[in-house]
Amino acid sequence: MTQSLEDYLEMVSFLADNGEVRVTDIASRLGVSKPSVLTALKTLEERGLLEHERYRTVHLTKKGQTEASTIRDRHSFLTAFLRDIVGVSPETAESDACKMEHLLSEETCGKIKAMLRRNAE
């Protein structure tokens, strides 16, 4: 999945935490146009990650919830790692984690987590 599609999926998940998810909310939060959102939603729907009917709200499927949870967990872990271990500002940690979450492999994230667990013992 592309970085852009991951960002859309993650945003749908975040917005769903607070209630209904509308195209306008996604566009506003990501700073993109509604047509861009609709294009991304169509692709995510074709992949079985969400459901969206025109002029209606967006809902994650079980598969979409699982994928979004993985993305959010990685983002949270990297934000905390950069903020709490590396010592960068919360704003920088958030921004950098958003970039890193798409680039780092599962193996690398797993190794970082294992290293932190070993150092905590």
PDB file of N, CA and C in Angstrom:
ATOM      1  N   MET A   1       0.853  -1.174   0.000  1.00  0.00           N
ATOM      2  CA  MET A   1       0.000   0.000   0.000  1.00  0.00           C
ATOM      3  C   MET A   1       0.898   1.235   0.000  1.00  0.00           C
ATOM      4  N   THR A   2       0.476   2.259  -0.702  1.00  0.00           N
ATOM      5  CA  THR A   2       1.278   3.472  -0.781  1.00  0.00           C
ATOM      6  C   THR A   2       1.186   4.268   0.517  1.00  0.00           C
ATOM      7  N   GLN A   3       2.127   5.168   0.698  1.00  0.00           N
ATOM      8  CA  GLN A   3       2.127   6.037   1.870  1.00  0.00           C
ATOM      9  C   GLN A   3       0.840   6.845   1.919  1.00  0.00           C
ATOM     10  N   SER A   4       0.422   7.344   0.792  1.00  0.00           N
ATOM     11  CA  SER A   4      -0.792   8.150   0.726  1.00  0.00           C
ATOM     12  C   SER A   4      -2.018   7.353   1.169  1.00  0.00           C
ATOM     13  N   LEU A   5      -2.161   6.138   0.676  1.00  0.00           N
ATOM     14  CA  LEU A   5      -3.306   5.315   1.067  1.00  0.00           C
ATOM     15  C   LEU A   5      -3.256   4.965   2.546  1.00  0.00           C
ATOM     16  N   GLU A   6      -2.063   4.717   3.067  1.00  0.00           N
ATOM     17  CA  GLU A   6      -1.933   4.469   4.504  1.00  0.00           C
ATOM     18  C   GLU A   6      -2.379   5.680   5.300  1.00  0.00           C
ATOM     19  N   ASP A   7      -2.021   6.878   4.832  1.00  0.00           N
ATOM     20  CA  ASP A   7      -2.436   8.103   5.519  1.00  0.00           C
ATOM     21  C   ASP A   7      -3.957   8.255   5.528  1.00  0.00           C
ATOM     22  N   TYR A   8      -4.591   7.945   4.403  1.00  0.00           N
ATOM     23  CA  TYR A   8      -6.059   8.012   4.342  1.00  0.00           C
ATOM     24  C   TYR A   8      -6.680   6.996   5.301  1.00  0.00           C
ATOM     25  N   LEU A   9      -6.183   5.786   5.286  1.00  0.00           N
ATOM     26  CA  LEU A   9      -6.726   4.746   6.149  1.00  0.00           C
ATOM     27  C   LEU A   9      -6.544   5.110   7.618  1.00  0.00           C
ATOM     28  N   GLU A  10      -5.382   5.606   7.947  1.00  0.00           N
ATOM     29  CA  GLU A  10      -5.103   6.025   9.323  1.00  0.00           C
ATOM     30  C   GLU A  10      -6.038   7.164   9.738  1.00  0.00           C
ATOM     31  N   MET A  11      -6.261   8.121   8.848  1.00  0.00           N
ATOM     32  CA  MET A  11      -7.143   9.241   9.171  1.00  0.00           C
ATOM     33  C   MET A  11      -8.584   8.779   9.364  1.00  0.00           C
ATOM     34  N   VAL A  12      -9.054   7.862   8.526  1.00  0.00           N
ATOM     35  CA  VAL A  12     -10.406   7.335   8.704  1.00  0.00           C
ATOM     36  C   VAL A  12     -10.515   6.697  10.086  1.00  0.00           C
ATOM     37  N   SER A  13      -9.510   5.961  10.483  1.00  0.00           N
ATOM     38  CA  SER A  13      -9.504   5.312  11.788  1.00  0.00           C
ATOM     39  C   SER A  13      -9.533   6.338  12.920  1.00  0.00           C
ATOM     40  N   PHE A  14      -8.698   7.372  12.825  1.00  0.00           N
ATOM     41  CA  PHE A  14      -8.680   8.426  13.856  1.00  0.00           C
ATOM     42  C   PHE A  14     -10.038   9.112  13.956  1.00  0.00           C
ATOM     43  N   LEU A  15     -10.594   9.466  12.826  1.00  0.00           N
ATOM     44  CA  LEU A  15     -11.884  10.163  12.825  1.00  0.00           C
ATOM     45  C   LEU A  15     -12.998   9.256  13.349  1.00  0.00           C
ATOM     46  N   ALA A  16     -12.914   7.968  13.067  1.00  0.00           N
ATOM     47  CA  ALA A  16     -13.932   7.021  13.534  1.00  0.00           C
ATOM     48  C   ALA A  16     -13.944   6.926  15.058  1.00  0.00           C
ATOM     49  N   ASP A  17     -12.819   7.216  15.688  1.00  0.00           N
ATOM     50  CA  ASP A  17     -12.759   7.198  17.150  1.00  0.00           C
ATOM     51  C   ASP A  17     -13.723   8.206  17.759  1.00  0.00           C
ATOM     52  N   ASN A  18     -14.031   9.271  17.000  1.00  0.00           N
ATOM     53  CA  ASN A  18     -14.876  10.344  17.506  1.00  0.00           C
ATOM     54  C   ASN A  18     -16.269  10.359  16.876  1.00  0.00           C
ATOM     55  N   GLY A  19     -16.610   9.317  16.145  1.00  0.00           N
ATOM     56  CA  GLY A  19     -17.949   9.255  15.558  1.00  0.00           C
ATOM     57  C   GLY A  19     -17.913   8.988  14.073  1.00  0.00           C
ATOM     58  N   GLU A  20     -18.864   9.574  13.355  1.00  0.00           N
ATOM     59  CA  GLU A  20     -18.992   9.352  11.924  1.00  0.00           C
ATOM     60  C   GLU A  20     -17.839   9.990  11.153  1.00  0.00           C
ATOM     61  N   VAL A  21     -17.497   9.363  10.048  1.00  0.00           N
ATOM     62  CA  VAL A  21     -16.413   9.845   9.196  1.00  0.00           C
ATOM     63  C   VAL A  21     -17.018  10.316   7.881  1.00  0.00           C
ATOM     64  N   ARG A  22     -16.802  11.590   7.567  1.00  0.00           N
ATOM     65  CA  ARG A  22     -17.300  12.158   6.320  1.00  0.00           C
ATOM     66  C   ARG A  22     -16.130  12.544   5.423  1.00  0.00           C
ATOM     67  N   VAL A  23     -16.375  12.556   4.145  1.00  0.00           N
ATOM     68  CA  VAL A  23     -15.354  12.922   3.157  1.00  0.00           C
ATOM     69  C   VAL A  23     -14.800  14.306   3.460  1.00  0.00           C
ATOM     70  N   THR A  24     -15.670  15.254   3.802  1.00  0.00           N
ATOM     71  CA  THR A  24     -15.209  16.616   4.076  1.00  0.00           C
ATOM     72  C   THR A  24     -14.256  16.657   5.267  1.00  0.00           C
ATOM     73  N   ASP A  25     -14.508  15.812   6.265  1.00  0.00           N
ATOM     74  CA  ASP A  25     -13.621  15.775   7.442  1.00  0.00           C
ATOM     75  C   ASP A  25     -12.242  15.245   7.066  1.00  0.00           C
ATOM     76  N   ILE A  26     -12.226  14.198   6.239  1.00  0.00           N
ATOM     77  CA  ILE A  26     -10.946  13.629   5.797  1.00  0.00           C
ATOM     78  C   ILE A  26     -10.171  14.669   4.994  1.00  0.00           C
ATOM     79  N   ALA A  27     -10.853  15.321   4.064  1.00  0.00           N
ATOM     80  CA  ALA A  27     -10.204  16.340   3.222  1.00  0.00           C
ATOM     81  C   ALA A  27      -9.640  17.466   4.073  1.00  0.00           C
ATOM     82  N   SER A  28     -10.421  17.921   5.024  1.00  0.00           N
ATOM     83  CA  SER A  28      -9.990  19.024   5.888  1.00  0.00           C
ATOM     84  C   SER A  28      -8.774  18.646   6.719  1.00  0.00           C
ATOM     85  N   ARG A  29      -8.803  17.478   7.341  1.00  0.00           N
ATOM     86  CA  ARG A  29      -7.706  17.062   8.214  1.00  0.00           C
ATOM     87  C   ARG A  29      -6.418  16.785   7.454  1.00  0.00           C
ATOM     88  N   LEU A  30      -6.542  16.255   6.222  1.00  0.00           N
ATOM     89  CA  LEU A  30      -5.345  15.940   5.440  1.00  0.00           C
ATOM     90  C   LEU A  30      -4.915  17.090   4.527  1.00  0.00           C
ATOM     91  N   GLY A  31      -5.754  18.114   4.429  1.00  0.00           N
ATOM     92  CA  GLY A  31      -5.415  19.262   3.589  1.00  0.00           C
ATOM     93  C   GLY A  31      -5.429  18.933   2.104  1.00  0.00           C
ATOM     94  N   VAL A  32      -6.398  18.121   1.698  1.00  0.00           N
ATOM     95  CA  VAL A  32      -6.521  17.724   0.302  1.00  0.00           C
ATOM     96  C   VAL A  32      -7.944  18.020  -0.181  1.00  0.00           C
ATOM     97  N   SER A  33      -8.157  17.873  -1.479  1.00  0.00           N
ATOM     98  CA  SER A  33      -9.474  18.137  -2.051  1.00  0.00           C
ATOM     99  C   SER A  33     -10.407  16.940  -1.855  1.00  0.00           C
ATOM    100  N   LYS A  34     -11.702  17.203  -1.916  1.00  0.00           N
ATOM    101  CA  LYS A  34     -12.674  16.114  -1.815  1.00  0.00           C
ATOM    102  C   LYS A  34     -12.517  15.101  -2.954  1.00  0.00           C
ATOM    103  N   PRO A  35     -12.270  15.547  -4.193  1.00  0.00           N
ATOM    104  CA  PRO A  35     -12.046  14.549  -5.248  1.00  0.00           C
ATOM    105  C   PRO A  35     -10.855  13.635  -4.961  1.00  0.00           C
ATOM    106  N   SER A  36      -9.810  14.165  -4.349  1.00  0.00           N
ATOM    107  CA  SER A  36      -8.660  13.331  -3.980  1.00  0.00           C
ATOM    108  C   SER A  36      -9.062  12.282  -2.948  1.00  0.00           C
ATOM    109  N   VAL A  37      -9.868  12.701  -1.997  1.00  0.00           N
ATOM    110  CA  VAL A  37     -10.340  11.771  -0.976  1.00  0.00           C
ATOM    111  C   VAL A  37     -11.189  10.679  -1.622  1.00  0.00           C
ATOM    112  N   LEU A  38     -12.095  11.067  -2.502  1.00  0.00           N
ATOM    113  CA  LEU A  38     -12.971  10.090  -3.149  1.00  0.00           C
ATOM    114  C   LEU A  38     -12.176   9.070  -3.960  1.00  0.00           C
ATOM    115  N   THR A  39     -11.128   9.521  -4.632  1.00  0.00           N
ATOM    116  CA  THR A  39     -10.276   8.610  -5.399  1.00  0.00           C
ATOM    117  C   THR A  39      -9.597   7.604  -4.472  1.00  0.00           C
ATOM    118  N   ALA A  40      -9.052   8.103  -3.363  1.00  0.00           N
ATOM    119  CA  ALA A  40      -8.383   7.216  -2.400  1.00  0.00           C
ATOM    120  C   ALA A  40      -9.381   6.246  -1.767  1.00  0.00           C
ATOM    121  N   LEU A  41     -10.557   6.745  -1.413  1.00  0.00           N
ATOM    122  CA  LEU A  41     -11.560   5.879  -0.801  1.00  0.00           C
ATOM    123  C   LEU A  41     -11.985   4.765  -1.744  1.00  0.00           C
ATOM    124  N   LYS A  42     -12.097   5.097  -3.017  1.00  0.00           N
ATOM    125  CA  LYS A  42     -12.469   4.077  -4.003  1.00  0.00           C
ATOM    126  C   LYS A  42     -11.421   2.964  -4.039  1.00  0.00           C
ATOM    127  N   THR A  43     -10.152   3.353  -4.042  1.00  0.00           N
ATOM    128  CA  THR A  43      -9.073   2.367  -4.050  1.00  0.00           C
ATOM    129  C   THR A  43      -9.095   1.522  -2.782  1.00  0.00           C
ATOM    130  N   LEU A  44      -9.274   2.160  -1.635  1.00  0.00           N
ATOM    131  CA  LEU A  44      -9.316   1.433  -0.364  1.00  0.00           C
ATOM    132  C   LEU A  44     -10.538   0.509  -0.299  1.00  0.00           C
ATOM    133  N   GLU A  45     -11.636   0.956  -0.888  1.00  0.00           N
ATOM    134  CA  GLU A  45     -12.832   0.118  -0.925  1.00  0.00           C
ATOM    135  C   GLU A  45     -12.606  -1.099  -1.824  1.00  0.00           C
ATOM    136  N   GLU A  46     -11.946  -0.894  -2.962  1.00  0.00           N
ATOM    137  CA  GLU A  46     -11.637  -2.002  -3.863  1.00  0.00           C
ATOM    138  C   GLU A  46     -10.735  -3.035  -3.197  1.00  0.00           C
ATOM    139  N   ARG A  47      -9.931  -2.603  -2.249  1.00  0.00           N
ATOM    140  CA  ARG A  47      -9.030  -3.501  -1.520  1.00  0.00           C
ATOM    141  C   ARG A  47      -9.701  -4.132  -0.306  1.00  0.00           C
ATOM    142  N   GLY A  48     -10.984  -3.813  -0.111  1.00  0.00           N
ATOM    143  CA  GLY A  48     -11.740  -4.408   0.980  1.00  0.00           C
ATOM    144  C   GLY A  48     -11.451  -3.820   2.344  1.00  0.00           C
ATOM    145  N   LEU A  49     -10.920  -2.591   2.378  1.00  0.00           N
ATOM    146  CA  LEU A  49     -10.521  -1.982   3.650  1.00  0.00           C
ATOM    147  C   LEU A  49     -11.582  -1.061   4.248  1.00  0.00           C
ATOM    148  N   LEU A  50     -12.502  -0.596   3.419  1.00  0.00           N
ATOM    149  CA  LEU A  50     -13.563   0.268   3.925  1.00  0.00           C
ATOM    150  C   LEU A  50     -14.771   0.202   3.013  1.00  0.00           C
ATOM    151  N   GLU A  51     -15.856   0.798   3.514  1.00  0.00           N
ATOM    152  CA  GLU A  51     -17.089   0.901   2.747  1.00  0.00           C
ATOM    153  C   GLU A  51     -17.502   2.363   2.720  1.00  0.00           C
ATOM    154  N   HIS A  52     -17.927   2.811   1.544  1.00  0.00           N
ATOM    155  CA  HIS A  52     -18.371   4.194   1.400  1.00  0.00           C
ATOM    156  C   HIS A  52     -19.384   4.283   0.277  1.00  0.00           C
ATOM    157  N   GLU A  53     -20.536   4.824   0.601  1.00  0.00           N
ATOM    158  CA  GLU A  53     -21.534   5.120  -0.414  1.00  0.00           C
ATOM    159  C   GLU A  53     -21.538   6.626  -0.619  1.00  0.00           C
ATOM    160  N   ARG A  54     -21.703   7.041  -1.859  1.00  0.00           N
ATOM    161  CA  ARG A  54     -21.676   8.464  -2.183  1.00  0.00           C
ATOM    162  C   ARG A  54     -22.631   9.253  -1.279  1.00  0.00           C
ATOM    163  N   TYR A  55     -22.140  10.361  -0.749  1.00  0.00           N
ATOM    164  CA  TYR A  55     -22.883  11.251   0.156  1.00  0.00           C
ATOM    165  C   TYR A  55     -23.224  10.614   1.495  1.00  0.00           C
ATOM    166  N   ARG A  56     -22.525   9.557   1.826  1.00  0.00           N
ATOM    167  CA  ARG A  56     -22.725   8.877   3.107  1.00  0.00           C
ATOM    168  C   ARG A  56     -21.401   8.830   3.867  1.00  0.00           C
ATOM    169  N   THR A  57     -21.457   8.280   5.063  1.00  0.00           N
ATOM    170  CA  THR A  57     -20.249   8.191   5.880  1.00  0.00           C
ATOM    171  C   THR A  57     -19.375   7.025   5.433  1.00  0.00           C
ATOM    172  N   VAL A  58     -18.149   7.026   5.940  1.00  0.00           N
ATOM    173  CA  VAL A  58     -17.147   6.013   5.610  1.00  0.00           C
ATOM    174  C   VAL A  58     -17.008   5.079   6.812  1.00  0.00           C
ATOM    175  N   HIS A  59     -16.928   3.775   6.531  1.00  0.00           N
ATOM    176  CA  HIS A  59     -16.785   2.781   7.596  1.00  0.00           C
ATOM    177  C   HIS A  59     -15.666   1.811   7.243  1.00  0.00           C
ATOM    178  N   LEU A  60     -14.803   1.538   8.209  1.00  0.00           N
ATOM    179  CA  LEU A  60     -13.754   0.541   8.010  1.00  0.00           C
ATOM    180  C   LEU A  60     -14.349  -0.860   8.089  1.00  0.00           C
ATOM    181  N   THR A  61     -13.867  -1.749   7.251  1.00  0.00           N
ATOM    182  CA  THR A  61     -14.208  -3.158   7.365  1.00  0.00           C
ATOM    183  C   THR A  61     -13.324  -3.760   8.456  1.00  0.00           C
ATOM    184  N   LYS A  62     -13.557  -5.019   8.792  1.00  0.00           N
ATOM    185  CA  LYS A  62     -12.684  -5.691   9.768  1.00  0.00           C
ATOM    186  C   LYS A  62     -11.244  -5.680   9.281  1.00  0.00           C
ATOM    187  N   LYS A  63     -11.068  -5.986   7.996  1.00  0.00           N
ATOM    188  CA  LYS A  63      -9.732  -5.968   7.408  1.00  0.00           C
ATOM    189  C   LYS A  63      -9.127  -4.568   7.505  1.00  0.00           C
ATOM    190  N   GLY A  64      -9.936  -3.554   7.241  1.00  0.00           N
ATOM    191  CA  GLY A  64      -9.470  -2.170   7.327  1.00  0.00           C
ATOM    192  C   GLY A  64      -9.115  -1.774   8.752  1.00  0.00           C
ATOM    193  N   GLN A  65      -9.913  -2.241   9.708  1.00  0.00           N
ATOM    194  CA  GLN A  65      -9.620  -1.952  11.115  1.00  0.00           C
ATOM    195  C   GLN A  65      -8.292  -2.565  11.529  1.00  0.00           C
ATOM    196  N   THR A  66      -8.051  -3.784  11.074  1.00  0.00           N
ATOM    197  CA  THR A  66      -6.795  -4.458  11.397  1.00  0.00           C
ATOM    198  C   THR A  66      -5.613  -3.708  10.807  1.00  0.00           C
ATOM    199  N   GLU A  67      -5.715  -3.357   9.536  1.00  0.00           N
ATOM    200  CA  GLU A  67      -4.638  -2.627   8.856  1.00  0.00           C
ATOM    201  C   GLU A  67      -4.413  -1.257   9.491  1.00  0.00           C
ATOM    202  N   ALA A  68      -5.498  -0.547   9.775  1.00  0.00           N
ATOM    203  CA  ALA A  68      -5.387   0.778  10.394  1.00  0.00           C
ATOM    204  C   ALA A  68      -4.769   0.679  11.785  1.00  0.00           C
ATOM    205  N   SER A  69      -5.125  -0.344  12.524  1.00  0.00           N
ATOM    206  CA  SER A  69      -4.561  -0.547  13.860  1.00  0.00           C
ATOM    207  C   SER A  69      -3.057  -0.759  13.787  1.00  0.00           C
ATOM    208  N   THR A  70      -2.608  -1.528  12.818  1.00  0.00           N
ATOM    209  CA  THR A  70      -1.177  -1.757  12.627  1.00  0.00           C
ATOM    210  C   THR A  70      -0.460  -0.442  12.321  1.00  0.00           C
ATOM    211  N   ILE A  71      -1.032   0.349  11.446  1.00  0.00           N
ATOM    212  CA  ILE A  71      -0.436   1.640  11.077  1.00  0.00           C
ATOM    213  C   ILE A  71      -0.400   2.565  12.283  1.00  0.00           C
ATOM    214  N   ARG A  72      -1.501   2.632  13.016  1.00  0.00           N
ATOM    215  CA  ARG A  72      -1.568   3.510  14.191  1.00  0.00           C
ATOM    216  C   ARG A  72      -0.597   3.071  15.281  1.00  0.00           C
ATOM    217  N   ASP A  73      -0.480   1.762  15.499  1.00  0.00           N
ATOM    218  CA  ASP A  73       0.457   1.256  16.513  1.00  0.00           C
ATOM    219  C   ASP A  73       1.889   1.625  16.153  1.00  0.00           C
ATOM    220  N   ARG A  74       2.236   1.461  14.898  1.00  0.00           N
ATOM    221  CA  ARG A  74       3.585   1.804  14.448  1.00  0.00           C
ATOM    222  C   ARG A  74       3.827   3.303  14.641  1.00  0.00           C
ATOM    223  N   HIS A  75       2.848   4.118  14.279  1.00  0.00           N
ATOM    224  CA  HIS A  75       2.971   5.571  14.416  1.00  0.00           C
ATOM    225  C   HIS A  75       3.155   5.949  15.889  1.00  0.00           C
ATOM    226  N   SER A  76       2.332   5.376  16.750  1.00  0.00           N
ATOM    227  CA  SER A  76       2.430   5.674  18.187  1.00  0.00           C
ATOM    228  C   SER A  76       3.770   5.252  18.763  1.00  0.00           C
ATOM    229  N   PHE A  77       4.216   4.051  18.390  1.00  0.00           N
ATOM    230  CA  PHE A  77       5.504   3.569  18.873  1.00  0.00           C
ATOM    231  C   PHE A  77       6.630   4.490  18.439  1.00  0.00           C
ATOM    232  N   LEU A  78       6.657   4.845  17.154  1.00  0.00           N
ATOM    233  CA  LEU A  78       7.738   5.691  16.653  1.00  0.00           C
ATOM    234  C   LEU A  78       7.692   7.092  17.262  1.00  0.00           C
ATOM    235  N   THR A  79       6.494   7.631  17.459  1.00  0.00           N
ATOM    236  CA  THR A  79       6.369   8.946  18.098  1.00  0.00           C
ATOM    237  C   THR A  79       6.942   8.895  19.514  1.00  0.00           C
ATOM    238  N   ALA A  80       6.542   7.887  20.277  1.00  0.00           N
ATOM    239  CA  ALA A  80       7.036   7.750  21.660  1.00  0.00           C
ATOM    240  C   ALA A  80       8.545   7.517  21.687  1.00  0.00           C
ATOM    241  N   PHE A  81       9.047   6.683  20.790  1.00  0.00           N
ATOM    242  CA  PHE A  81      10.484   6.415  20.715  1.00  0.00           C
ATOM    243  C   PHE A  81      11.255   7.702  20.456  1.00  0.00           C
ATOM    244  N   LEU A  82      10.832   8.463  19.479  1.00  0.00           N
ATOM    245  CA  LEU A  82      11.551   9.695  19.143  1.00  0.00           C
ATOM    246  C   LEU A  82      11.449  10.733  20.257  1.00  0.00           C
ATOM    247  N   ARG A  83      10.279  10.839  20.866  1.00  0.00           N
ATOM    248  CA  ARG A  83      10.061  11.820  21.927  1.00  0.00           C
ATOM    249  C   ARG A  83      10.747  11.403  23.228  1.00  0.00           C
ATOM    250  N   ASP A  84      10.514  10.168  23.656  1.00  0.00           N
ATOM    251  CA  ASP A  84      10.936   9.739  24.984  1.00  0.00           C
ATOM    252  C   ASP A  84      12.347   9.163  25.052  1.00  0.00           C
ATOM    253  N   ILE A  85      12.804   8.528  23.994  1.00  0.00           N
ATOM    254  CA  ILE A  85      14.124   7.910  23.992  1.00  0.00           C
ATOM    255  C   ILE A  85      15.148   8.809  23.308  1.00  0.00           C
ATOM    256  N   VAL A  86      14.815   9.272  22.121  1.00  0.00           N
ATOM    257  CA  VAL A  86      15.743  10.117  21.367  1.00  0.00           C
ATOM    258  C   VAL A  86      15.760  11.534  21.939  1.00  0.00           C
ATOM    259  N   GLY A  87      14.603  12.006  22.427  1.00  0.00           N
ATOM    260  CA  GLY A  87      14.549  13.302  23.085  1.00  0.00           C
ATOM    261  C   GLY A  87      14.195  14.483  22.196  1.00  0.00           C
ATOM    262  N   VAL A  88      13.564  14.223  21.054  1.00  0.00           N
ATOM    263  CA  VAL A  88      13.154  15.347  20.206  1.00  0.00           C
ATOM    264  C   VAL A  88      11.835  15.912  20.729  1.00  0.00           C
ATOM    265  N   SER A  89      11.500  17.106  20.287  1.00  0.00           N
ATOM    266  CA  SER A  89      10.273  17.754  20.742  1.00  0.00           C
ATOM    267  C   SER A  89       9.061  16.937  20.304  1.00  0.00           C
ATOM    268  N   PRO A  90       7.955  17.070  21.025  1.00  0.00           N
ATOM    269  CA  PRO A  90       6.745  16.336  20.633  1.00  0.00           C
ATOM    270  C   PRO A  90       6.304  16.626  19.192  1.00  0.00           C
ATOM    271  N   GLU A  91       6.444  17.862  18.767  1.00  0.00           N
ATOM    272  CA  GLU A  91       6.045  18.233  17.405  1.00  0.00           C
ATOM    273  C   GLU A  91       6.928  17.542  16.367  1.00  0.00           C
ATOM    274  N   THR A  92       8.230  17.556  16.612  1.00  0.00           N
ATOM    275  CA  THR A  92       9.162  16.902  15.692  1.00  0.00           C
ATOM    276  C   THR A  92       8.960  15.393  15.709  1.00  0.00           C
ATOM    277  N   ALA A  93       8.744  14.830  16.898  1.00  0.00           N
ATOM    278  CA  ALA A  93       8.514  13.391  17.012  1.00  0.00           C
ATOM    279  C   ALA A  93       7.296  12.983  16.194  1.00  0.00           C
ATOM    280  N   GLU A  94       6.233  13.737  16.286  1.00  0.00           N
ATOM    281  CA  GLU A  94       5.008  13.443  15.545  1.00  0.00           C
ATOM    282  C   GLU A  94       5.244  13.527  14.041  1.00  0.00           C
ATOM    283  N   SER A  95       5.882  14.584  13.616  1.00  0.00           N
ATOM    284  CA  SER A  95       6.147  14.785  12.187  1.00  0.00           C
ATOM    285  C   SER A  95       7.070  13.715  11.621  1.00  0.00           C
ATOM    286  N   ASP A  96       8.157  13.440  12.330  1.00  0.00           N
ATOM    287  CA  ASP A  96       9.119  12.438  11.853  1.00  0.00           C
ATOM    288  C   ASP A  96       8.534  11.027  11.888  1.00  0.00           C
ATOM    289  N   ALA A  97       7.750  10.721  12.926  1.00  0.00           N
ATOM    290  CA  ALA A  97       7.131   9.399  13.015  1.00  0.00           C
ATOM    291  C   ALA A  97       6.188   9.161  11.847  1.00  0.00           C
ATOM    292  N   CYS A  98       5.492  10.201  11.437  1.00  0.00           N
ATOM    293  CA  CYS A  98       4.577  10.089  10.299  1.00  0.00           C
ATOM    294  C   CYS A  98       5.340   9.711   9.030  1.00  0.00           C
ATOM    295  N   LYS A  99       6.527  10.237   8.879  1.00  0.00           N
ATOM    296  CA  LYS A  99       7.349   9.905   7.711  1.00  0.00           C
ATOM    297  C   LYS A  99       7.960   8.509   7.855  1.00  0.00           C
ATOM    298  N   MET A 100       8.467   8.216   9.036  1.00  0.00           N
ATOM    299  CA  MET A 100       9.171   6.955   9.267  1.00  0.00           C
ATOM    300  C   MET A 100       8.249   5.744   9.203  1.00  0.00           C
ATOM    301  N   GLU A 101       7.013   5.910   9.638  1.00  0.00           N
ATOM    302  CA  GLU A 101       6.110   4.761   9.709  1.00  0.00           C
ATOM    303  C   GLU A 101       5.909   4.105   8.349  1.00  0.00           C
ATOM    304  N   HIS A 102       6.093   4.865   7.291  1.00  0.00           N
ATOM    305  CA  HIS A 102       5.903   4.339   5.941  1.00  0.00           C
ATOM    306  C   HIS A 102       7.182   3.737   5.362  1.00  0.00           C
ATOM    307  N   LEU A 103       8.308   4.078   5.945  1.00  0.00           N
ATOM    308  CA  LEU A 103       9.585   3.679   5.371  1.00  0.00           C
ATOM    309  C   LEU A 103      10.236   2.491   6.070  1.00  0.00           C
ATOM    310  N   LEU A 104      10.059   2.394   7.368  1.00  0.00           N
ATOM    311  CA  LEU A 104      10.719   1.331   8.124  1.00  0.00           C
ATOM    312  C   LEU A 104      10.005   0.003   7.937  1.00  0.00           C
ATOM    313  N   SER A 105      10.782  -1.041   7.803  1.00  0.00           N
ATOM    314  CA  SER A 105      10.219  -2.380   7.663  1.00  0.00           C
ATOM    315  C   SER A 105       9.725  -2.874   9.016  1.00  0.00           C
ATOM    316  N   GLU A 106       8.896  -3.914   8.962  1.00  0.00           N
ATOM    317  CA  GLU A 106       8.444  -4.565  10.195  1.00  0.00           C
ATOM    318  C   GLU A 106       9.648  -5.110  10.957  1.00  0.00           C
ATOM    319  N   GLU A 107      10.624  -5.628  10.216  1.00  0.00           N
ATOM    320  CA  GLU A 107      11.827  -6.173  10.845  1.00  0.00           C
ATOM    321  C   GLU A 107      12.558  -5.096  11.650  1.00  0.00           C
ATOM    322  N   THR A 108      12.752  -3.926  11.041  1.00  0.00           N
ATOM    323  CA  THR A 108      13.461  -2.844  11.732  1.00  0.00           C
ATOM    324  C   THR A 108      12.700  -2.386  12.967  1.00  0.00           C
ATOM    325  N   CYS A 109      11.400  -2.203  12.840  1.00  0.00           N
ATOM    326  CA  CYS A 109      10.601  -1.794  14.005  1.00  0.00           C
ATOM    327  C   CYS A 109      10.673  -2.848  15.104  1.00  0.00           C
ATOM    328  N   GLY A 110      10.608  -4.103  14.709  1.00  0.00           N
ATOM    329  CA  GLY A 110      10.702  -5.186  15.680  1.00  0.00           C
ATOM    330  C   GLY A 110      12.037  -5.198  16.398  1.00  0.00           C
ATOM    331  N   LYS A 111      13.106  -4.941  15.656  1.00  0.00           N
ATOM    332  CA  LYS A 111      14.447  -4.918  16.260  1.00  0.00           C
ATOM    333  C   LYS A 111      14.591  -3.741  17.235  1.00  0.00           C
ATOM    334  N   ILE A 112      14.025  -2.596  16.881  1.00  0.00           N
ATOM    335  CA  ILE A 112      14.075  -1.434  17.780  1.00  0.00           C
ATOM    336  C   ILE A 112      13.318  -1.759  19.061  1.00  0.00           C
ATOM    337  N   LYS A 113      12.139  -2.349  18.925  1.00  0.00           N
ATOM    338  CA  LYS A 113      11.344  -2.711  20.103  1.00  0.00           C
ATOM    339  C   LYS A 113      12.104  -3.719  20.973  1.00  0.00           C
ATOM    340  N   ALA A 114      12.723  -4.718  20.343  1.00  0.00           N
ATOM    341  CA  ALA A 114      13.481  -5.722  21.094  1.00  0.00           C
ATOM    342  C   ALA A 114      14.666  -5.086  21.819  1.00  0.00           C
ATOM    343  N   MET A 115      15.351  -4.165  21.156  1.00  0.00           N
ATOM    344  CA  MET A 115      16.483  -3.472  21.767  1.00  0.00           C
ATOM    345  C   MET A 115      16.015  -2.683  22.992  1.00  0.00           C
ATOM    346  N   LEU A 116      14.887  -2.011  22.867  1.00  0.00           N
ATOM    347  CA  LEU A 116      14.355  -1.242  23.997  1.00  0.00           C
ATOM    348  C   LEU A 116      13.969  -2.146  25.152  1.00  0.00           C
ATOM    349  N   ARG A 117      13.387  -3.314  24.838  1.00  0.00           N
ATOM    350  CA  ARG A 117      13.022  -4.251  25.903  1.00  0.00           C
ATOM    351  C   ARG A 117      14.265  -4.750  26.621  1.00  0.00           C
ATOM    352  N   ARG A 118      15.315  -5.082  25.863  1.00  0.00           N
ATOM    353  CA  ARG A 118      16.569  -5.551  26.474  1.00  0.00           C
ATOM    354  C   ARG A 118      17.175  -4.461  27.365  1.00  0.00           C
ATOM    355  N   ASN A 119      17.145  -3.224  26.906  1.00  0.00           N
ATOM    356  CA  ASN A 119      17.738  -2.123  27.676  1.00  0.00           C
ATOM    357  C   ASN A 119      16.912  -1.786  28.912  1.00  0.00           C
ATOM    358  N   ALA A 120      15.624  -2.135  28.893  1.00  0.00           N
ATOM    359  CA  ALA A 120      14.758  -1.857  30.033  1.00  0.00           C
ATOM    360  C   ALA A 120      14.933  -2.893  31.149  1.00  0.00           C
ATOM    361  N   GLU A 121      15.516  -4.033  30.803  1.00  0.00           N
ATOM    362  CA  GLU A 121      15.683  -5.102  31.809  1.00  0.00           C
ATOM    363  C   GLU A 121      16.809  -4.851  32.756  1.00  0.00           C
TER     364      GLU A 121
END
